[in-house]
Structures are given as structure tokens and as C-alpha cells.
Amino acid sequence: MTTKQTRKSNRLPFKSIYTSNNSFFITMCVEGRICCLSKIFHGKASLTPTGKIVEESWLSLTNLVNDIQLDEFVIMPNHFHGIITFLDTPTFKNSEKLVDLSQIMAIFKSKTTNLIRRGMPSASRDNRRILASQDNMVYNGKASLTPTNIPIFQWQKSFYDHVIRDETDLLRVREYIFNNPLKWDLDILNPKNEDEYQRWLIAK
């Protein structure tokens, strides 16, 4: 008789951790590691129109949810890092219903995905109506995307979080986020580093 194996969750086991008085380091990646959010020039991330949608959506979370504070963040070519702090138990501004970290991230992902897809070509829309940034996007480090081969934008299903334990940890995470563009060439999520990425997947 075999036992069914369950997929290991990225979430920590205690739901209370994700509902009050904690700071979280969030990472989420574009499906397929498609580079469409920014370009790195001289160690700085220059946002594409797609990346600007991500930035605006992230900053708008404080208009939707009570008792949260946004800290350092960066929008890399194919992923996002940010710090969010729960000053108290967060609630939706329009309903006062309790909301946890997973729900907030789901809102962020849904909002960005919908706004970005509105600017992408489809069978029923004019192919010229695409985001300007997509003219030179890189797909898996191999080819520039054109209006005929742009995939539908999608975030990876899950996201990664780290509970920030203390002030030292917070300063370390802030420094990591700030310096992330400087280390893009070595970043495991850079499509050019496919071998390292595959080894990382196996080790997970």
C-alpha cells in the first residue's frame, strides 16, 4: 500500500502569522520567466509599461486594505520583490472583512494580470494595440517577442514569502532588494542562467 504524497506548501503552517503584526518579504515571478517588466541599465531597473502597471498596482494596495504598510520593493525584468508590513490585523477598506497575506497577493496578481492583458493582442483585437515595452521583450533569453508571438501574461501560480523576524533581518532584506538590479547577471531567475535555475528547482 502506498501513501499519497502531498506537495509541500510554500506557506508557513500558522495562519495567524499571515494575518497580523508581521512584515513579509515577498517574491513572485512571471510564468516562464519572461522578461517583460523592466530592463536593467547600469545596475538600475528601468520599467516597461508592463512594469509600471505592476508598480501602480502594488502601491494601490494601501487604498484597498487597512493597516498595511509598503516598504522597499523592486520590479526586476521577470520578477518582483517587495516588503509588506501588517500594522494590525488587515481588513478590506470597503467591507471591513479580515484579509490575510495570500488574499492580498491574489488581489495584486489578479489586478496586474487583468490590466496587462488588456494591452496585449488577441484574435479579436488589433495587433498593433500592444504595450510599447513588448517590442523588445526577451523570451527565455533567446528571442525578442513580436506581436505574433507574445504569450498571454501570467504570474507563476504561487509566490514566496519570508517572515521578517527583527530589525536586523529587515535591514538585510532591504539591502538585498536595493542591490538586486546590480546582480541581475548572476540572478538565478535570469533566463541566461538556465542551468543554475534547473539545479535550484531540483534542490527545492
Foldseek 3Di string as FASTA:
>chain_A
DDDDDDDDDLDDDDQVLFFFFFKKKKKWWWVQLWFQAFDFDPLATHGFPLVVLLVVLVVCLCVFKPQKDWDDKGDGRTMIITMMGRNGGMATPVPRHTDGDVRSVVSSQVSSLVVQQVQADDPPDDLVSHGPSQQAIDRLNPDRDDSVPDDRIHIPPDMHMDIQDDPVSVVVSNVCRSRVSVCQVVDLSRSVNVVSVVVVVVVD
